[in-house]
Each structure stands twice: as structure tokens, then as C-alpha cells.
């Protein structure tokens, strides 16, 4: 499949196999889904939109494709906008010391210029497609490209699993990441938050932490995740789970309500698709990704969000260095 051909399409969603297919799937001609819609259902909730009211769309056509990822021919530029970063980290640490919050996921923005959607997706897939890679153009004009590695949750029949991600290090620092008390504490807090969120839609006493911490290698970074499993309660669906879990704890902080208040006060612009949720429901299976490593199209650029969890032990310089590790998703050189 020639990716640049999609630039002429009015609306589509190109989804990697991790969304539930055996290969990449292209959903053409997206439109609002009625209550009796049949077929794969694309579900999208921007960060600021309630999980109880996501966009639900179906496609005129769903086909399996094999995209061809070509290196962008033209030069492109990436610039990070992080003015006031140290002050924001200090404000969060002060709020933690005051007992207002335990952790806040604070994010900033980078600009990407000189690439169209096909070039940006190819850039993100240069060393193999990220787990939840996606390129989506919605009927009302909103467009984003995601290289997310994070599973928000999946359901298979009544079983549900979520995989919160916290802790980032360079690819050669696995020992440092595994032994970091700060990163372990961050992950433990978010694991507990997600476990609590799941209890509202799961059968009593069915929610359990199957794995407290494991490392996922990416071409440009290492990440740690946990695994939480449960059994959906009678009458509960994947959409009920979305309502209970969105926005994801790993991109908000804990407690969630207090963390969201701090995010609204400190972040200069809305996140929109970045840190939102994208999922596909097909028959009795559903897969939802958290839209981290995601760029949103604007008239003259792409806006790419990057951030991390701030706890009392956070050091602003170390946290800022972590932002550059995550920007490795936008570089041909994975050492950058």
C-alpha cells in the first residue's frame, strides 16, 4: 500500500495489527455509528472528552493492507517547547508536599515541520511499527498520527486486562530502570489507581495484579509496565470500561481528580488526541490504546506531546532528559 495515497482521502483510520487484526487494517469512509451499527466500531475519546461520551464511528469499507514505509525525502525539523518546565515541576512538588496530590503527569509540546502524514508515520515506523501505530483522519477534519506503545485495556469476552506504563530509560539502562525506587513507586501508584478504576465495572474480587513490573524494550527507550486483570460484571461492556478508566491513570497521576486539576492549571494548551484513547471493538473483542507518542495535525505543523510522571523525588533536569528520550520516536537516529 502506498501511504501518500491516503493524503487524498476524506476520512480513514489506518491501524496496526495490535488493534486486533492479523495485519494492518484500513477503515475508509468513517461516519458516526448509530445505536444498531454492525461491524468493527472505531472508538475515540480525546483527553478532555468524558469516557462516557466517546466518538463512535463505523467505516464504509474495512480492508487488510500492507503499508510501505519510506524514509521522508525532504528535511524535517523537531523543536521542543518547554518554557517554564522547571517551575512547573517545582509547583507539583510543592503540591505533593502539601498533601494535595501524590503524582502528576506533566506534559509539554514539540513542533514537527516538513512532513505530511505519510512521512510522519513512516518516520515513526522506521525500525518496525510501534505496537499501536495509527494514522487517523476524522470526518470533521481532526487528524493525528500515533506511535503509541501503551495498551490502555483490552477485553476478550468477559476478561479485561490493562497495562499501565510508567518508567522510562535509555535502551542501554535496563539495570538502572529495574532498580529505580522512584520509577517503581510511580508504577505502583498508577497500578493501584487502575486497579481501583476497574473495580467499578468488574465482578467483585476478580481484579488482580498479574505482574507488578516488567520491562518493554522499544528501539529508542525502555519502559516498565504492570498487568492488571479482571472479569467484567454482568451487563458491562468495553464501552462501560472506557467510561470508568478514561482518561488513563498513567497520563494523569494520582489521585486522578487532583492530578487533573493540576494539569489544567499548569499546562498551557489542551492535549486533545494526545493522551486520549483510540480503540477498535470487533464482535466480543476490544482493544484500546493510550495515545502517547502522538502528533496532532495543525495547519502548518504537527504538535507532538511528551511528558512524564512527577513525584516528590523528581529532579527537573532528570525529568527533562527523559523528555528527550521519548523524542527519540521522532529521530532516524535512535541514539538521539
C-alpha atoms as a PDB file:
ATOM      1  CA  UNK A   1       0.000   0.000   0.000  1.00  0.00           C
ATOM      2  CA  UNK A   2       1.284   3.447  -0.981  1.00  0.00           C
ATOM      3  CA  UNK A   3       0.840   5.636   2.120  1.00  0.00           C
ATOM      4  CA  UNK A   4       0.833   9.011   0.298  1.00  0.00           C
ATOM      5  CA  UNK A   5      -2.370   7.939  -1.476  1.00  0.00           C
ATOM      6  CA  UNK A   6      -4.198   8.392   1.831  1.00  0.00           C
ATOM      7  CA  UNK A   7      -3.471  12.128   1.787  1.00  0.00           C
ATOM      8  CA  UNK A   8      -6.316  12.481  -0.711  1.00  0.00           C
ATOM      9  CA  UNK A   9      -8.866  10.616   1.445  1.00  0.00           C
ATOM     10  CA  UNK A  10     -11.578  12.495   3.339  1.00  0.00           C
ATOM     11  CA  UNK A  11     -11.549  10.201   6.367  1.00  0.00           C
ATOM     12  CA  UNK A  12      -9.854   6.958   7.372  1.00  0.00           C
ATOM     13  CA  UNK A  13      -8.145   5.054  10.156  1.00  0.00           C
ATOM     14  CA  UNK A  14      -5.025   3.007   9.457  1.00  0.00           C
ATOM     15  CA  UNK A  15      -4.423   0.698  12.423  1.00  0.00           C
ATOM     16  CA  UNK A  16      -1.544  -1.634  13.253  1.00  0.00           C
ATOM     17  CA  UNK A  17      -2.206  -5.351  13.899  1.00  0.00           C
ATOM     18  CA  UNK A  18      -2.166  -4.856  17.680  1.00  0.00           C
ATOM     19  CA  UNK A  19      -5.650  -3.337  17.433  1.00  0.00           C
ATOM     20  CA  UNK A  20      -6.970  -6.837  16.861  1.00  0.00           C
ATOM     21  CA  UNK A  21      -6.161  -7.758  13.279  1.00  0.00           C
ATOM     22  CA  UNK A  22      -3.782 -10.256  11.743  1.00  0.00           C
ATOM     23  CA  UNK A  23      -2.321  -7.413   9.662  1.00  0.00           C
ATOM     24  CA  UNK A  24      -2.724  -3.659   9.269  1.00  0.00           C
ATOM     25  CA  UNK A  25      -6.336  -2.619   8.754  1.00  0.00           C
ATOM     26  CA  UNK A  26      -7.622   0.362   6.825  1.00  0.00           C
ATOM     27  CA  UNK A  27     -11.061   1.737   7.659  1.00  0.00           C
ATOM     28  CA  UNK A  28     -12.215   4.008   4.822  1.00  0.00           C
ATOM     29  CA  UNK A  29     -15.113   6.436   4.831  1.00  0.00           C
ATOM     30  CA  UNK A  30     -15.661   6.982   8.554  1.00  0.00           C
ATOM     31  CA  UNK A  31     -19.079   8.148   9.769  1.00  0.00           C
ATOM     32  CA  UNK A  32     -20.957   8.359  13.033  1.00  0.00           C
ATOM     33  CA  UNK A  33     -22.225   4.990  14.228  1.00  0.00           C
ATOM     34  CA  UNK A  34     -25.878   4.572  15.068  1.00  0.00           C
ATOM     35  CA  UNK A  35     -27.099   2.503  18.036  1.00  0.00           C
ATOM     36  CA  UNK A  36     -27.536  -0.591  15.840  1.00  0.00           C
ATOM     37  CA  UNK A  37     -24.249  -0.308  13.940  1.00  0.00           C
ATOM     38  CA  UNK A  38     -22.775  -3.618  12.785  1.00  0.00           C
ATOM     39  CA  UNK A  39     -19.129  -4.278  12.068  1.00  0.00           C
ATOM     40  CA  UNK A  40     -15.868  -3.013  13.551  1.00  0.00           C
ATOM     41  CA  UNK A  41     -16.528   0.054  15.695  1.00  0.00           C
ATOM     42  CA  UNK A  42     -13.825   2.710  15.938  1.00  0.00           C
ATOM     43  CA  UNK A  43     -13.975   4.495  19.307  1.00  0.00           C
ATOM     44  CA  UNK A  44     -12.087   7.713  20.025  1.00  0.00           C
ATOM     45  CA  UNK A  45     -12.032   9.879  23.143  1.00  0.00           C
ATOM     46  CA  UNK A  46      -9.750  12.945  23.250  1.00  0.00           C
ATOM     47  CA  UNK A  47      -8.115  13.568  26.609  1.00  0.00           C
ATOM     48  CA  UNK A  48     -10.596  16.254  27.643  1.00  0.00           C
ATOM     49  CA  UNK A  49     -13.749  14.379  26.490  1.00  0.00           C
ATOM     50  CA  UNK A  50     -15.609  12.199  29.028  1.00  0.00           C
ATOM     51  CA  UNK A  51     -15.054   8.492  28.530  1.00  0.00           C
ATOM     52  CA  UNK A  52     -18.822   8.045  28.827  1.00  0.00           C
ATOM     53  CA  UNK A  53     -19.292  10.061  25.628  1.00  0.00           C
ATOM     54  CA  UNK A  54     -16.656   8.985  23.082  1.00  0.00           C
ATOM     55  CA  UNK A  55     -16.877   9.387  19.336  1.00  0.00           C
ATOM     56  CA  UNK A  56     -18.177   6.131  17.834  1.00  0.00           C
ATOM     57  CA  UNK A  57     -17.588   5.574  14.131  1.00  0.00           C
ATOM     58  CA  UNK A  58     -18.043   2.868  11.523  1.00  0.00           C
ATOM     59  CA  UNK A  59     -16.465   2.623   8.080  1.00  0.00           C
ATOM     60  CA  UNK A  60     -17.857   2.180   4.601  1.00  0.00           C
ATOM     61  CA  UNK A  61     -15.016  -0.255   3.907  1.00  0.00           C
ATOM     62  CA  UNK A  62     -12.595  -2.281   6.033  1.00  0.00           C
ATOM     63  CA  UNK A  63      -9.628  -3.909   4.280  1.00  0.00           C
ATOM     64  CA  UNK A  64      -6.347  -5.562   5.275  1.00  0.00           C
ATOM     65  CA  UNK A  65      -3.307  -3.741   3.869  1.00  0.00           C
ATOM     66  CA  UNK A  66       0.488  -3.883   3.947  1.00  0.00           C
ATOM     67  CA  UNK A  67       1.789  -0.293   4.131  1.00  0.00           C
ATOM     68  CA  UNK A  68       5.117   0.645   2.622  1.00  0.00           C
ATOM     69  CA  UNK A  69       7.155   2.894   4.923  1.00  0.00           C
ATOM     70  CA  UNK A  70       9.558   5.124   3.016  1.00  0.00           C
ATOM     71  CA  UNK A  71      12.109   7.482   4.525  1.00  0.00           C
ATOM     72  CA  UNK A  72      10.951  11.121   4.135  1.00  0.00           C
ATOM     73  CA  UNK A  73      12.684  12.671   1.126  1.00  0.00           C
ATOM     74  CA  UNK A  74      12.628  16.234   2.451  1.00  0.00           C
ATOM     75  CA  UNK A  75      14.358  17.543   5.604  1.00  0.00           C
ATOM     76  CA  UNK A  76      12.142  17.874   8.656  1.00  0.00           C
ATOM     77  CA  UNK A  77      12.506  19.711  11.929  1.00  0.00           C
ATOM     78  CA  UNK A  78      11.604  18.913  15.540  1.00  0.00           C
ATOM     79  CA  UNK A  79      11.667  21.605  18.234  1.00  0.00           C
ATOM     80  CA  UNK A  80      10.694  21.160  21.886  1.00  0.00           C
ATOM     81  CA  UNK A  81       8.743  23.915  23.641  1.00  0.00           C
ATOM     82  CA  UNK A  82       9.353  23.554  27.374  1.00  0.00           C
ATOM     83  CA  UNK A  83       9.422  27.088  28.718  1.00  0.00           C
ATOM     84  CA  UNK A  84       8.664  27.128  32.436  1.00  0.00           C
ATOM     85  CA  UNK A  85       9.323  23.406  32.820  1.00  0.00           C
ATOM     86  CA  UNK A  86      11.432  23.716  35.981  1.00  0.00           C
ATOM     87  CA  UNK A  87       8.845  25.973  37.619  1.00  0.00           C
ATOM     88  CA  UNK A  88       6.031  23.538  36.821  1.00  0.00           C
ATOM     89  CA  UNK A  89       7.946  20.615  38.322  1.00  0.00           C
ATOM     90  CA  UNK A  90       8.576  22.746  41.416  1.00  0.00           C
ATOM     91  CA  UNK A  91       4.871  23.609  41.699  1.00  0.00           C
ATOM     92  CA  UNK A  92       3.936  19.933  41.509  1.00  0.00           C
ATOM     93  CA  UNK A  93       6.491  19.014  44.175  1.00  0.00           C
ATOM     94  CA  UNK A  94       5.064  21.761  46.399  1.00  0.00           C
ATOM     95  CA  UNK A  95       1.546  20.352  45.902  1.00  0.00           C
ATOM     96  CA  UNK A  96       2.786  16.884  46.808  1.00  0.00           C
ATOM     97  CA  UNK A  97       4.498  18.224  49.939  1.00  0.00           C
ATOM     98  CA  UNK A  98       1.213  19.902  50.905  1.00  0.00           C
ATOM     99  CA  UNK A  99      -0.636  16.592  50.597  1.00  0.00           C
ATOM    100  CA  UNK A 100      -2.783  17.725  47.640  1.00  0.00           C
ATOM    101  CA  UNK A 101      -1.619  15.028  45.209  1.00  0.00           C
ATOM    102  CA  UNK A 102       0.849  12.101  45.001  1.00  0.00           C
ATOM    103  CA  UNK A 103       1.872  12.249  41.344  1.00  0.00           C
ATOM    104  CA  UNK A 104       1.090  14.407  38.298  1.00  0.00           C
ATOM    105  CA  UNK A 105       1.786  13.535  34.683  1.00  0.00           C
ATOM    106  CA  UNK A 106       3.017  16.873  33.341  1.00  0.00           C
ATOM    107  CA  UNK A 107       3.401  17.283  29.580  1.00  0.00           C
ATOM    108  CA  UNK A 108       4.849  19.796  27.118  1.00  0.00           C
ATOM    109  CA  UNK A 109       4.747  20.066  23.338  1.00  0.00           C
ATOM    110  CA  UNK A 110       7.127  19.728  20.412  1.00  0.00           C
ATOM    111  CA  UNK A 111       6.583  21.008  16.883  1.00  0.00           C
ATOM    112  CA  UNK A 112       7.265  18.831  13.842  1.00  0.00           C
ATOM    113  CA  UNK A 113       7.528  20.593  10.483  1.00  0.00           C
ATOM    114  CA  UNK A 114       8.240  19.459   6.948  1.00  0.00           C
ATOM    115  CA  UNK A 115       6.319  16.158   6.984  1.00  0.00           C
ATOM    116  CA  UNK A 116       2.936  15.043   5.745  1.00  0.00           C
ATOM    117  CA  UNK A 117       1.032  12.235   7.471  1.00  0.00           C
ATOM    118  CA  UNK A 118       2.628   9.513   5.356  1.00  0.00           C
ATOM    119  CA  UNK A 119       6.099  10.834   6.115  1.00  0.00           C
ATOM    120  CA  UNK A 120       5.407  11.140   9.828  1.00  0.00           C
ATOM    121  CA  UNK A 121       4.038   7.599  10.114  1.00  0.00           C
ATOM    122  CA  UNK A 122       6.997   6.268   8.126  1.00  0.00           C
ATOM    123  CA  UNK A 123       9.347   8.122  10.458  1.00  0.00           C
ATOM    124  CA  UNK A 124       7.696   6.570  13.497  1.00  0.00           C
ATOM    125  CA  UNK A 125       7.830   3.090  11.924  1.00  0.00           C
ATOM    126  CA  UNK A 126      11.424   3.301  10.705  1.00  0.00           C
ATOM    127  CA  UNK A 127      12.683   0.483  12.965  1.00  0.00           C
ATOM    128  CA  UNK A 128       9.462  -1.557  12.947  1.00  0.00           C
ATOM    129  CA  UNK A 129       5.929  -0.453  13.613  1.00  0.00           C
ATOM    130  CA  UNK A 130       5.203   0.661  17.193  1.00  0.00           C
ATOM    131  CA  UNK A 131       2.713  -1.640  18.858  1.00  0.00           C
ATOM    132  CA  UNK A 132      -0.298   0.676  18.457  1.00  0.00           C
ATOM    133  CA  UNK A 133       0.767   2.690  15.439  1.00  0.00           C
ATOM    134  CA  UNK A 134      -2.131   4.544  13.831  1.00  0.00           C
ATOM    135  CA  UNK A 135      -2.897   7.278  11.343  1.00  0.00           C
ATOM    136  CA  UNK A 136      -6.410   8.686  11.693  1.00  0.00           C
ATOM    137  CA  UNK A 137      -8.276  11.413   9.815  1.00  0.00           C
ATOM    138  CA  UNK A 138     -11.771  12.022  11.167  1.00  0.00           C
ATOM    139  CA  UNK A 139     -14.789  13.254   9.171  1.00  0.00           C
ATOM    140  CA  UNK A 140     -14.686  16.692  10.846  1.00  0.00           C
ATOM    141  CA  UNK A 141     -11.046  17.245   9.861  1.00  0.00           C
ATOM    142  CA  UNK A 142      -9.180  16.254  13.032  1.00  0.00           C
ATOM    143  CA  UNK A 143      -6.079  14.210  12.239  1.00  0.00           C
ATOM    144  CA  UNK A 144      -3.377  12.509  14.269  1.00  0.00           C
ATOM    145  CA  UNK A 145      -0.535  10.023  13.907  1.00  0.00           C
ATOM    146  CA  UNK A 146       0.381   7.819  16.843  1.00  0.00           C
ATOM    147  CA  UNK A 147       3.353   5.630  17.679  1.00  0.00           C
ATOM    148  CA  UNK A 148       1.907   4.525  20.998  1.00  0.00           C
ATOM    149  CA  UNK A 149       3.446   1.504  22.724  1.00  0.00           C
ATOM    150  CA  UNK A 150       0.832   1.505  25.513  1.00  0.00           C
ATOM    151  CA  UNK A 151      -2.161  -0.788  25.815  1.00  0.00           C
ATOM    152  CA  UNK A 152      -4.891   1.044  27.711  1.00  0.00           C
ATOM    153  CA  UNK A 153      -7.112  -2.013  28.062  1.00  0.00           C
ATOM    154  CA  UNK A 154      -8.376  -4.979  26.116  1.00  0.00           C
ATOM    155  CA  UNK A 155     -11.397  -7.223  26.524  1.00  0.00           C
ATOM    156  CA  UNK A 156     -11.812 -10.757  25.260  1.00  0.00           C
ATOM    157  CA  UNK A 157     -15.285 -11.892  26.120  1.00  0.00           C
ATOM    158  CA  UNK A 158     -15.714 -11.080  29.828  1.00  0.00           C
ATOM    159  CA  UNK A 159     -11.996 -10.885  30.555  1.00  0.00           C
ATOM    160  CA  UNK A 160     -10.353  -7.455  30.760  1.00  0.00           C
ATOM    161  CA  UNK A 161      -6.686  -6.549  31.046  1.00  0.00           C
ATOM    162  CA  UNK A 162      -4.986  -3.182  31.423  1.00  0.00           C
ATOM    163  CA  UNK A 163      -1.278  -2.463  31.145  1.00  0.00           C
ATOM    164  CA  UNK A 164      -0.281   0.867  32.735  1.00  0.00           C
ATOM    165  CA  UNK A 165       3.136   2.158  31.689  1.00  0.00           C
ATOM    166  CA  UNK A 166       5.423   4.173  33.972  1.00  0.00           C
ATOM    167  CA  UNK A 167       9.189   4.475  33.973  1.00  0.00           C
ATOM    168  CA  UNK A 168      11.415   5.336  31.004  1.00  0.00           C
ATOM    169  CA  UNK A 169      15.135   4.874  30.404  1.00  0.00           C
ATOM    170  CA  UNK A 170      17.562   4.783  27.512  1.00  0.00           C
ATOM    171  CA  UNK A 171      17.845   1.424  25.709  1.00  0.00           C
ATOM    172  CA  UNK A 172      21.120   0.508  27.467  1.00  0.00           C
ATOM    173  CA  UNK A 173      19.888   1.258  31.012  1.00  0.00           C
ATOM    174  CA  UNK A 174      17.760  -1.755  31.895  1.00  0.00           C
ATOM    175  CA  UNK A 175      19.525  -2.299  35.230  1.00  0.00           C
ATOM    176  CA  UNK A 176      19.032   1.319  36.226  1.00  0.00           C
ATOM    177  CA  UNK A 177      15.338   1.191  35.357  1.00  0.00           C
ATOM    178  CA  UNK A 178      14.674  -2.076  37.187  1.00  0.00           C
ATOM    179  CA  UNK A 179      16.457  -0.878  40.345  1.00  0.00           C
ATOM    180  CA  UNK A 180      14.991   2.649  40.435  1.00  0.00           C
ATOM    181  CA  UNK A 181      12.852   3.101  43.559  1.00  0.00           C
ATOM    182  CA  UNK A 182      11.343   6.264  42.063  1.00  0.00           C
ATOM    183  CA  UNK A 183      10.176   4.505  38.900  1.00  0.00           C
ATOM    184  CA  UNK A 184       8.916   1.515  40.880  1.00  0.00           C
ATOM    185  CA  UNK A 185       6.925   3.828  43.160  1.00  0.00           C
ATOM    186  CA  UNK A 186       5.442   5.688  40.153  1.00  0.00           C
ATOM    187  CA  UNK A 187       4.300   2.427  38.576  1.00  0.00           C
ATOM    188  CA  UNK A 188       2.905   1.113  41.872  1.00  0.00           C
ATOM    189  CA  UNK A 189       0.786   4.248  42.370  1.00  0.00           C
ATOM    190  CA  UNK A 190      -0.711   4.053  38.882  1.00  0.00           C
ATOM    191  CA  UNK A 191      -1.233   0.296  39.149  1.00  0.00           C
ATOM    192  CA  UNK A 192      -3.249   0.857  42.306  1.00  0.00           C
ATOM    193  CA  UNK A 193      -5.240   3.635  40.608  1.00  0.00           C
ATOM    194  CA  UNK A 194      -6.133   1.420  37.614  1.00  0.00           C
ATOM    195  CA  UNK A 195      -6.999  -1.482  39.893  1.00  0.00           C
ATOM    196  CA  UNK A 196      -9.401   0.786  41.744  1.00  0.00           C
ATOM    197  CA  UNK A 197     -10.928   2.105  38.496  1.00  0.00           C
ATOM    198  CA  UNK A 198     -11.527  -1.443  37.278  1.00  0.00           C
ATOM    199  CA  UNK A 199     -13.477  -2.481  40.369  1.00  0.00           C
ATOM    200  CA  UNK A 200     -16.462  -0.364  39.298  1.00  0.00           C
ATOM    201  CA  UNK A 201     -17.022  -2.461  36.156  1.00  0.00           C
ATOM    202  CA  UNK A 202     -15.702  -5.866  37.252  1.00  0.00           C
ATOM    203  CA  UNK A 203     -17.132  -8.768  39.178  1.00  0.00           C
ATOM    204  CA  UNK A 204     -16.313  -8.401  42.898  1.00  0.00           C
ATOM    205  CA  UNK A 205     -12.905  -9.795  43.909  1.00  0.00           C
ATOM    206  CA  UNK A 206     -11.990 -10.603  40.288  1.00  0.00           C
ATOM    207  CA  UNK A 207      -9.478  -7.743  39.873  1.00  0.00           C
ATOM    208  CA  UNK A 208      -5.866  -8.779  40.449  1.00  0.00           C
ATOM    209  CA  UNK A 209      -2.350  -7.596  39.631  1.00  0.00           C
ATOM    210  CA  UNK A 210      -0.940 -10.373  37.463  1.00  0.00           C
ATOM    211  CA  UNK A 211       2.511  -8.757  37.205  1.00  0.00           C
ATOM    212  CA  UNK A 212       3.810  -5.859  39.299  1.00  0.00           C
ATOM    213  CA  UNK A 213       6.614  -4.779  36.966  1.00  0.00           C
ATOM    214  CA  UNK A 214       8.156  -5.904  33.691  1.00  0.00           C
ATOM    215  CA  UNK A 215      10.302  -4.160  31.086  1.00  0.00           C
ATOM    216  CA  UNK A 216       9.229  -3.497  27.492  1.00  0.00           C
ATOM    217  CA  UNK A 217      12.084  -2.679  25.068  1.00  0.00           C
ATOM    218  CA  UNK A 218      11.495  -0.050  22.366  1.00  0.00           C
ATOM    219  CA  UNK A 219      14.017   1.000  19.703  1.00  0.00           C
ATOM    220  CA  UNK A 220      14.615   4.339  21.456  1.00  0.00           C
ATOM    221  CA  UNK A 221      13.774   3.560  25.112  1.00  0.00           C
ATOM    222  CA  UNK A 222      12.922   1.030  27.794  1.00  0.00           C
ATOM    223  CA  UNK A 223       9.571   1.231  29.584  1.00  0.00           C
ATOM    224  CA  UNK A 224       8.138  -0.593  32.601  1.00  0.00           C
ATOM    225  CA  UNK A 225       4.547  -1.781  32.812  1.00  0.00           C
ATOM    226  CA  UNK A 226       2.338  -3.806  35.122  1.00  0.00           C
ATOM    227  CA  UNK A 227      -0.532  -6.144  34.242  1.00  0.00           C
ATOM    228  CA  UNK A 228      -3.952  -5.920  35.886  1.00  0.00           C
ATOM    229  CA  UNK A 229      -6.714  -8.380  35.023  1.00  0.00           C
ATOM    230  CA  UNK A 230     -10.367  -8.754  35.918  1.00  0.00           C
ATOM    231  CA  UNK A 231     -13.718 -10.121  34.815  1.00  0.00           C
ATOM    232  CA  UNK A 232     -16.356  -7.683  33.610  1.00  0.00           C
ATOM    233  CA  UNK A 233     -19.531  -7.629  35.666  1.00  0.00           C
ATOM    234  CA  UNK A 234     -22.883  -8.761  34.346  1.00  0.00           C
ATOM    235  CA  UNK A 235     -24.063  -6.444  31.568  1.00  0.00           C
ATOM    236  CA  UNK A 236     -20.788  -4.486  31.438  1.00  0.00           C
ATOM    237  CA  UNK A 237     -19.142  -3.842  28.068  1.00  0.00           C
ATOM    238  CA  UNK A 238     -15.917  -2.397  26.722  1.00  0.00           C
ATOM    239  CA  UNK A 239     -17.636   0.991  26.474  1.00  0.00           C
ATOM    240  CA  UNK A 240     -18.501   0.813  30.188  1.00  0.00           C
ATOM    241  CA  UNK A 241     -14.839   0.075  30.880  1.00  0.00           C
ATOM    242  CA  UNK A 242     -13.822   3.110  28.817  1.00  0.00           C
ATOM    243  CA  UNK A 243     -16.190   5.299  30.831  1.00  0.00           C
ATOM    244  CA  UNK A 244     -14.640   4.036  34.073  1.00  0.00           C
ATOM    245  CA  UNK A 245     -10.973   4.241  33.035  1.00  0.00           C
ATOM    246  CA  UNK A 246     -10.659   7.317  30.788  1.00  0.00           C
ATOM    247  CA  UNK A 247      -8.526   9.387  30.970  1.00  0.00           C
ATOM    248  CA  UNK A 248      -5.853   6.824  31.727  1.00  0.00           C
ATOM    249  CA  UNK A 249      -4.124   6.935  35.090  1.00  0.00           C
ATOM    250  CA  UNK A 250      -0.651   6.713  33.552  1.00  0.00           C
ATOM    251  CA  UNK A 251      -1.228  10.047  31.769  1.00  0.00           C
ATOM    252  CA  UNK A 252      -2.958  11.831  34.645  1.00  0.00           C
ATOM    253  CA  UNK A 253      -1.485  10.911  38.026  1.00  0.00           C
ATOM    254  CA  UNK A 254      -2.876  10.041  41.421  1.00  0.00           C
ATOM    255  CA  UNK A 255      -5.359  10.699  42.854  1.00  0.00           C
ATOM    256  CA  UNK A 256      -6.839  11.242  39.411  1.00  0.00           C
ATOM    257  CA  UNK A 257      -9.171  14.149  40.205  1.00  0.00           C
ATOM    258  CA  UNK A 258      -6.451  16.132  41.991  1.00  0.00           C
ATOM    259  CA  UNK A 259      -3.920  15.383  39.255  1.00  0.00           C
ATOM    260  CA  UNK A 260      -6.345  16.576  36.568  1.00  0.00           C
ATOM    261  CA  UNK A 261      -6.821  19.825  38.466  1.00  0.00           C
ATOM    262  CA  UNK A 262      -3.060  20.411  38.447  1.00  0.00           C
ATOM    263  CA  UNK A 263      -2.815  19.540  34.745  1.00  0.00           C
ATOM    264  CA  UNK A 264      -5.488  22.100  33.891  1.00  0.00           C
ATOM    265  CA  UNK A 265      -3.680  24.743  35.955  1.00  0.00           C
ATOM    266  CA  UNK A 266      -0.152  24.118  34.662  1.00  0.00           C
ATOM    267  CA  UNK A 267      -0.401  23.020  31.024  1.00  0.00           C
ATOM    268  CA  UNK A 268      -0.726  25.869  28.553  1.00  0.00           C
ATOM    269  CA  UNK A 269      -2.790  24.073  25.898  1.00  0.00           C
ATOM    270  CA  UNK A 270      -5.316  21.209  25.777  1.00  0.00           C
ATOM    271  CA  UNK A 271      -3.940  17.759  24.977  1.00  0.00           C
ATOM    272  CA  UNK A 272      -6.765  16.828  22.569  1.00  0.00           C
ATOM    273  CA  UNK A 273      -5.890  13.498  20.890  1.00  0.00           C
ATOM    274  CA  UNK A 274      -2.579  13.282  22.753  1.00  0.00           C
ATOM    275  CA  UNK A 275      -3.112  11.185  25.906  1.00  0.00           C
ATOM    276  CA  UNK A 276      -6.615  10.350  24.694  1.00  0.00           C
ATOM    277  CA  UNK A 277      -7.885   6.903  23.771  1.00  0.00           C
ATOM    278  CA  UNK A 278      -8.315   5.071  20.466  1.00  0.00           C
ATOM    279  CA  UNK A 279      -9.925   1.653  20.266  1.00  0.00           C
ATOM    280  CA  UNK A 280     -11.491  -0.896  17.983  1.00  0.00           C
ATOM    281  CA  UNK A 281     -14.413  -3.093  19.025  1.00  0.00           C
ATOM    282  CA  UNK A 282     -14.981  -6.134  16.832  1.00  0.00           C
ATOM    283  CA  UNK A 283     -17.508  -8.782  17.910  1.00  0.00           C
ATOM    284  CA  UNK A 284     -16.647  -9.834  21.508  1.00  0.00           C
ATOM    285  CA  UNK A 285     -13.094  -8.403  21.416  1.00  0.00           C
ATOM    286  CA  UNK A 286     -11.963  -4.838  22.022  1.00  0.00           C
ATOM    287  CA  UNK A 287      -8.514  -3.227  22.083  1.00  0.00           C
ATOM    288  CA  UNK A 288      -7.854   0.329  23.262  1.00  0.00           C
ATOM    289  CA  UNK A 289      -4.546   2.193  23.121  1.00  0.00           C
ATOM    290  CA  UNK A 290      -3.485   5.232  25.111  1.00  0.00           C
ATOM    291  CA  UNK A 291      -2.440   7.867  22.595  1.00  0.00           C
ATOM    292  CA  UNK A 292       1.028   8.680  23.888  1.00  0.00           C
ATOM    293  CA  UNK A 293       3.824   9.358  21.346  1.00  0.00           C
ATOM    294  CA  UNK A 294       1.120  11.055  19.298  1.00  0.00           C
ATOM    295  CA  UNK A 295       1.197  14.062  16.961  1.00  0.00           C
ATOM    296  CA  UNK A 296      -1.872  16.169  16.125  1.00  0.00           C
ATOM    297  CA  UNK A 297      -2.041  17.987  12.806  1.00  0.00           C
ATOM    298  CA  UNK A 298      -2.314  21.777  12.696  1.00  0.00           C
ATOM    299  CA  UNK A 299      -2.321  23.944   9.538  1.00  0.00           C
ATOM    300  CA  UNK A 300       1.448  24.496   9.468  1.00  0.00           C
ATOM    301  CA  UNK A 301       2.874  21.760  11.702  1.00  0.00           C
ATOM    302  CA  UNK A 302       2.268  18.687  13.825  1.00  0.00           C
ATOM    303  CA  UNK A 303       2.068  19.136  17.601  1.00  0.00           C
ATOM    304  CA  UNK A 304       3.669  16.224  19.439  1.00  0.00           C
ATOM    305  CA  UNK A 305       3.106  15.812  23.175  1.00  0.00           C
ATOM    306  CA  UNK A 306       5.735  14.488  25.549  1.00  0.00           C
ATOM    307  CA  UNK A 307       5.790  14.264  29.330  1.00  0.00           C
ATOM    308  CA  UNK A 308       6.196  12.101  32.394  1.00  0.00           C
ATOM    309  CA  UNK A 309       5.060  11.461  35.924  1.00  0.00           C
ATOM    310  CA  UNK A 310       6.310  13.934  38.513  1.00  0.00           C
ATOM    311  CA  UNK A 311       6.643  12.729  42.115  1.00  0.00           C
ATOM    312  CA  UNK A 312       8.254  14.398  45.125  1.00  0.00           C
ATOM    313  CA  UNK A 313      11.593  12.695  44.377  1.00  0.00           C
ATOM    314  CA  UNK A 314      11.609  14.063  40.819  1.00  0.00           C
ATOM    315  CA  UNK A 315      14.555  16.129  39.679  1.00  0.00           C
ATOM    316  CA  UNK A 316      13.643  18.662  36.979  1.00  0.00           C
ATOM    317  CA  UNK A 317      16.838  18.080  34.974  1.00  0.00           C
ATOM    318  CA  UNK A 318      16.440  14.297  35.020  1.00  0.00           C
ATOM    319  CA  UNK A 319      12.781  14.594  34.042  1.00  0.00           C
ATOM    320  CA  UNK A 320      13.717  16.938  31.198  1.00  0.00           C
ATOM    321  CA  UNK A 321      16.342  14.462  29.978  1.00  0.00           C
ATOM    322  CA  UNK A 322      13.591  11.815  29.918  1.00  0.00           C
ATOM    323  CA  UNK A 323      11.572  14.001  27.559  1.00  0.00           C
ATOM    324  CA  UNK A 324      14.415  13.813  25.055  1.00  0.00           C
ATOM    325  CA  UNK A 325      14.493  10.017  25.342  1.00  0.00           C
ATOM    326  CA  UNK A 326      10.827   9.968  24.386  1.00  0.00           C
ATOM    327  CA  UNK A 327      11.521  12.338  21.480  1.00  0.00           C
ATOM    328  CA  UNK A 328      13.645   9.506  20.083  1.00  0.00           C
ATOM    329  CA  UNK A 329      10.440   8.312  18.406  1.00  0.00           C
ATOM    330  CA  UNK A 330      10.887  11.288  16.036  1.00  0.00           C
ATOM    331  CA  UNK A 331      14.503  10.711  15.061  1.00  0.00           C
ATOM    332  CA  UNK A 332      16.079   8.492  12.428  1.00  0.00           C
ATOM    333  CA  UNK A 333      18.975   8.044  14.835  1.00  0.00           C
ATOM    334  CA  UNK A 334      17.784   6.032  17.858  1.00  0.00           C
ATOM    335  CA  UNK A 335      20.785   7.243  19.846  1.00  0.00           C
ATOM    336  CA  UNK A 336      19.345  10.790  19.963  1.00  0.00           C
END
